[in-house]
């Protein structure tokens, strides 16, 4: 087996789109007798490693679950720390992303974010919108059910306005209204931290995604771990409901 300098198998298929739930910051901090915000800051450093690893591997899009719609239920102090960390990270990293031809986009319910954070997000998106490198999507105040409901409302408005026949609403029509509709669906989903669920993340988009779960806590998820996930993806036979290869011996996907 030939291995490239980043650790992946040479010639192995690379996922076009990777989606990640970055879990385990709090447990990582607790194991070091530190407050939870210590883990969140360490997790922000791991984001940079993930972005760089995906960029070097030739991944087209990376979507990170930074803050879910359910995370608003966390203690107010922790939410405040997370929002401040998001703000500082944008201030620190936006120019670097732009210099590396990375396009940044945020998906989620922006109405719940404070005005100065919404302004920073909009500024970063404007600066990077014409970049042609990695598409970096950050899901904040996001939920998969919220995403589908928004898509349904958009189609309902078209019907109410007389611009659409209800009978024309099918999977394609709904999919065109879902977040990230202009990108390929995720090929590889990664969740760190040991949990084995998708937690209301990209529910529509993950229909045929390969799901990779690891016990590694997010702050420890470095480039080597990313390439381990990509190598696992390369070993999968993706069939999308079709009959498997005769010699694979595999079951249904």
Protein backbone atom coordinates (compact mmCIF):
# COMPACT_ATOMS: atom_id res chain seq x y z
CA UNK A 1 0.00 0.00 0.00
CA UNK A 2 1.37 3.38 -1.03
CA UNK A 3 0.85 6.24 1.40
CA UNK A 4 1.07 9.94 0.55
CA UNK A 5 2.77 12.51 2.74
CA UNK A 6 -0.45 13.30 4.60
CA UNK A 7 -1.05 9.64 5.50
CA UNK A 8 -3.86 8.62 3.11
CA UNK A 9 -3.61 5.75 0.68
CA UNK A 10 -2.35 7.07 -2.65
CA UNK A 11 -4.92 6.78 -5.42
CA UNK A 12 -7.78 6.13 -2.97
CA UNK A 13 -11.10 7.89 -3.68
CA UNK A 14 -11.43 11.17 -1.83
CA UNK A 15 -14.83 12.28 -0.52
CA UNK A 16 -16.05 15.39 -2.32
CA UNK A 17 -17.93 16.58 0.77
CA UNK A 18 -17.15 15.81 4.42
CA UNK A 19 -19.54 16.66 7.26
CA UNK A 20 -18.38 16.59 10.89
CA UNK A 21 -20.02 16.71 14.31
CA UNK A 22 -17.22 18.01 16.51
CA UNK A 23 -18.03 16.32 19.81
CA UNK A 24 -16.06 15.89 23.04
CA UNK A 25 -14.72 19.34 23.91
CA UNK A 26 -16.26 19.35 27.37
CA UNK A 27 -15.07 15.84 28.25
CA UNK A 28 -11.59 16.67 26.96
CA UNK A 29 -11.45 19.66 29.31
CA UNK A 30 -12.88 17.72 32.25
CA UNK A 31 -10.22 15.04 31.86
CA UNK A 32 -7.67 17.82 32.38
CA UNK A 33 -9.53 19.37 35.34
CA UNK A 34 -10.32 22.43 33.28
CA UNK A 35 -13.59 24.29 32.64
CA UNK A 36 -15.59 23.48 29.51
CA UNK A 37 -14.52 26.65 27.70
CA UNK A 38 -10.93 25.36 27.80
CA UNK A 39 -12.07 22.42 25.67
CA UNK A 40 -13.97 24.66 23.27
CA UNK A 41 -10.85 26.72 22.65
CA UNK A 42 -8.83 23.57 22.03
CA UNK A 43 -11.57 22.45 19.67
CA UNK A 44 -11.22 25.65 17.67
CA UNK A 45 -7.58 24.76 17.03
CA UNK A 46 -8.67 21.33 15.80
CA UNK A 47 -10.92 23.05 13.26
CA UNK A 48 -7.89 24.57 11.59
CA UNK A 49 -6.26 21.13 11.30
CA UNK A 50 -9.41 19.67 9.76
CA UNK A 51 -9.69 22.50 7.24
CA UNK A 52 -6.03 22.17 6.24
CA UNK A 53 -6.20 18.37 5.98
CA UNK A 54 -9.31 18.49 3.79
CA UNK A 55 -7.82 21.21 1.61
CA UNK A 56 -4.63 19.23 1.04
CA UNK A 57 -6.56 16.04 0.28
CA UNK A 58 -8.65 17.70 -2.43
CA UNK A 59 -11.99 17.67 -0.59
CA UNK A 60 -14.37 20.14 -2.23
CA UNK A 61 -16.60 20.95 0.75
CA UNK A 62 -16.34 20.64 4.52
CA UNK A 63 -19.39 21.22 6.74
CA UNK A 64 -18.85 21.59 10.49
CA UNK A 65 -21.60 21.39 13.12
CA UNK A 66 -20.55 24.22 15.42
CA UNK A 67 -23.74 24.93 17.38
CA UNK A 68 -27.08 23.14 17.10
CA UNK A 69 -30.55 24.56 17.60
CA UNK A 70 -30.72 22.39 20.74
CA UNK A 71 -27.49 23.89 22.10
CA UNK A 72 -29.40 27.05 23.03
CA UNK A 73 -30.63 25.02 26.02
CA UNK A 74 -27.13 24.92 27.50
CA UNK A 75 -26.24 27.19 30.44
CA UNK A 76 -26.22 30.85 29.43
CA UNK A 77 -22.58 31.26 30.43
CA UNK A 78 -21.46 28.44 28.14
CA UNK A 79 -23.54 29.77 25.24
CA UNK A 80 -21.97 33.21 25.75
CA UNK A 81 -18.48 31.72 25.72
CA UNK A 82 -19.24 29.79 22.52
CA UNK A 83 -20.61 32.87 20.77
CA UNK A 84 -17.57 34.93 21.81
CA UNK A 85 -15.27 32.16 20.61
CA UNK A 86 -17.10 32.06 17.28
CA UNK A 87 -16.73 35.84 16.98
CA UNK A 88 -13.01 35.84 17.79
CA UNK A 89 -12.36 32.92 15.47
CA UNK A 90 -14.04 34.77 12.61
CA UNK A 91 -11.94 37.87 13.32
CA UNK A 92 -8.74 35.83 13.45
CA UNK A 93 -9.28 33.39 10.60
CA UNK A 94 -11.30 35.15 7.89
CA UNK A 95 -8.32 36.77 6.19
CA UNK A 96 -6.39 33.50 6.36
CA UNK A 97 -9.30 31.65 4.74
CA UNK A 98 -9.49 34.26 2.00
CA UNK A 99 -5.76 34.09 1.32
CA UNK A 100 -6.11 30.31 0.87
CA UNK A 101 -9.01 30.67 -1.59
CA UNK A 102 -11.52 29.13 0.86
CA UNK A 103 -15.16 30.13 0.67
CA UNK A 104 -16.90 30.48 4.04
CA UNK A 105 -20.64 30.10 4.50
CA UNK A 106 -22.83 29.81 7.56
CA UNK A 107 -26.06 27.80 7.59
CA UNK A 108 -28.65 27.99 10.35
CA UNK A 109 -31.16 30.32 11.99
CA UNK A 110 -29.28 33.62 12.09
CA UNK A 111 -32.18 35.42 13.76
CA UNK A 112 -31.13 33.92 17.10
CA UNK A 113 -27.55 35.21 16.84
CA UNK A 114 -26.65 38.62 18.22
CA UNK A 115 -26.33 41.44 15.65
CA UNK A 116 -22.55 41.87 15.82
CA UNK A 117 -22.02 38.15 15.13
CA UNK A 118 -24.45 38.24 12.21
CA UNK A 119 -22.57 41.22 10.85
CA UNK A 120 -19.19 39.47 11.12
CA UNK A 121 -20.57 36.38 9.38
CA UNK A 122 -22.00 38.45 6.54
CA UNK A 123 -18.69 40.28 6.14
CA UNK A 124 -16.71 37.03 5.99
CA UNK A 125 -19.14 35.57 3.46
CA UNK A 126 -18.91 38.62 1.23
CA UNK A 127 -15.12 38.60 1.33
CA UNK A 128 -14.80 34.93 0.41
CA UNK A 129 -17.86 34.33 -1.80
CA UNK A 130 -15.93 34.26 -5.09
CA UNK A 131 -13.19 31.91 -3.85
CA UNK A 132 -12.82 28.64 -5.73
CA UNK A 133 -11.02 26.45 -3.21
CA UNK A 134 -12.54 24.48 -0.35
CA UNK A 135 -16.15 25.36 0.52
CA UNK A 136 -16.18 25.66 4.32
CA UNK A 137 -19.71 25.58 5.74
CA UNK A 138 -20.34 26.24 9.41
CA UNK A 139 -23.68 25.10 10.83
CA UNK A 140 -24.58 27.38 13.73
CA UNK A 141 -28.00 27.64 15.36
CA UNK A 142 -28.81 24.84 12.93
CA UNK A 143 -31.05 21.78 13.03
CA UNK A 144 -31.92 19.33 10.30
CA UNK A 145 -35.64 19.48 11.12
CA UNK A 146 -35.50 23.29 11.03
CA UNK A 147 -33.83 23.04 7.61
CA UNK A 148 -36.57 20.79 6.19
CA UNK A 149 -39.32 22.95 7.71
CA UNK A 150 -37.81 26.07 6.11
CA UNK A 151 -37.74 24.31 2.73
CA UNK A 152 -41.37 23.26 3.11
CA UNK A 153 -42.42 26.82 4.00
CA UNK A 154 -40.61 28.18 0.95
CA UNK A 155 -42.54 25.81 -1.32
CA UNK A 156 -45.80 26.58 0.50
CA UNK A 157 -45.29 30.29 -0.17
CA UNK A 158 -44.81 29.56 -3.88
CA UNK A 159 -48.04 27.57 -3.93
CA UNK A 160 -49.93 30.31 -2.05
CA UNK A 161 -48.65 32.91 -4.51
CA UNK A 162 -49.85 30.81 -7.45
CA UNK A 163 -46.31 30.27 -8.71
CA UNK A 164 -46.26 26.51 -8.14
CA UNK A 165 -48.64 23.59 -8.61
CA UNK A 166 -48.72 21.48 -5.41
CA UNK A 167 -48.44 18.36 -7.58
CA UNK A 168 -45.02 19.57 -8.77
CA UNK A 169 -43.56 19.22 -5.27
CA UNK A 170 -41.29 16.19 -5.24
CA UNK A 171 -37.92 15.25 -3.76
CA UNK A 172 -36.09 17.39 -6.28
CA UNK A 173 -38.20 20.47 -5.56
CA UNK A 174 -37.76 20.12 -1.81
CA UNK A 175 -34.06 19.35 -2.14
CA UNK A 176 -33.52 22.56 -4.08
CA UNK A 177 -34.71 24.52 -1.02
CA UNK A 178 -32.53 22.69 1.52
CA UNK A 179 -29.32 24.25 2.83
CA UNK A 180 -26.23 23.52 0.69
CA UNK A 181 -28.39 22.53 -2.29
CA UNK A 182 -25.68 23.88 -4.61
CA UNK A 183 -23.11 21.38 -3.26
CA UNK A 184 -22.87 17.61 -3.61
CA UNK A 185 -24.41 15.73 -0.71
CA UNK A 186 -21.89 14.69 1.95
CA UNK A 187 -20.00 11.52 1.05
CA UNK A 188 -18.46 11.09 4.49
CA UNK A 189 -19.94 11.97 7.88
CA UNK A 190 -17.61 11.97 10.89
CA UNK A 191 -18.63 12.18 14.52
CA UNK A 192 -15.98 12.36 17.20
CA UNK A 193 -16.39 11.77 20.92
CA UNK A 194 -17.87 8.27 20.92
CA UNK A 195 -21.57 8.95 20.36
CA UNK A 196 -23.28 6.95 17.57
CA UNK A 197 -26.02 9.26 16.30
CA UNK A 198 -26.41 12.15 13.86
CA UNK A 199 -28.17 14.49 16.34
CA UNK A 200 -30.43 16.43 13.95
CA UNK A 201 -27.55 17.34 11.63
CA UNK A 202 -28.16 17.52 7.86
CA UNK A 203 -31.04 15.03 8.06
CA UNK A 204 -32.01 15.44 4.41
CA UNK A 205 -28.47 15.60 3.07
CA UNK A 206 -27.13 12.48 4.87
CA UNK A 207 -29.52 9.99 3.23
CA UNK A 208 -26.72 8.01 1.52
CA UNK A 209 -23.68 9.30 3.38
CA UNK A 210 -21.11 6.90 4.84
CA UNK A 211 -21.18 7.30 8.64
CA UNK A 212 -17.88 7.16 10.53
CA UNK A 213 -17.84 7.26 14.33
CA UNK A 214 -14.71 7.53 16.45
CA UNK A 215 -14.07 7.66 20.19
CA UNK A 216 -11.40 10.33 19.68
CA UNK A 217 -12.45 13.59 21.34
CA UNK A 218 -12.60 16.56 18.98
CA UNK A 219 -9.56 18.49 20.33
CA UNK A 220 -7.46 15.36 19.64
CA UNK A 221 -8.83 14.87 16.12
CA UNK A 222 -5.80 15.89 14.08
CA UNK A 223 -4.80 15.48 10.43
CA UNK A 224 -3.83 11.84 11.00
CA UNK A 225 -7.29 11.07 12.39
CA UNK A 226 -8.91 12.84 9.43
CA UNK A 227 -6.95 10.72 7.00
CA UNK A 228 -7.86 7.60 8.98
CA UNK A 229 -11.52 8.49 8.41
CA UNK A 230 -10.86 9.09 4.72
CA UNK A 231 -9.09 5.75 4.38
CA UNK A 232 -12.10 4.06 5.98
CA UNK A 233 -14.32 5.87 3.46
CA UNK A 234 -12.12 4.64 0.61
CA UNK A 235 -12.75 1.05 1.74
CA UNK A 236 -16.52 1.41 1.45
CA UNK A 237 -18.50 0.27 -1.58
CA UNK A 238 -21.11 2.93 -2.30
CA UNK A 239 -24.11 1.55 -4.19
CA UNK A 240 -27.03 3.98 -3.57
CA UNK A 241 -29.53 1.12 -3.64
CA UNK A 242 -28.04 -0.64 -6.65
CA UNK A 243 -27.02 -4.31 -6.76
CA UNK A 244 -23.54 -4.76 -5.24
CA UNK A 245 -20.62 -6.03 -7.28
CA UNK A 246 -20.86 -9.78 -7.70
CA UNK A 247 -17.55 -10.41 -5.99
CA UNK A 248 -18.00 -8.02 -3.09
CA UNK A 249 -20.10 -10.23 -0.85
CA UNK A 250 -21.50 -7.03 0.65
CA UNK A 251 -25.03 -6.44 1.80
CA UNK A 252 -27.35 -3.55 1.14
CA UNK A 253 -26.27 0.09 1.48
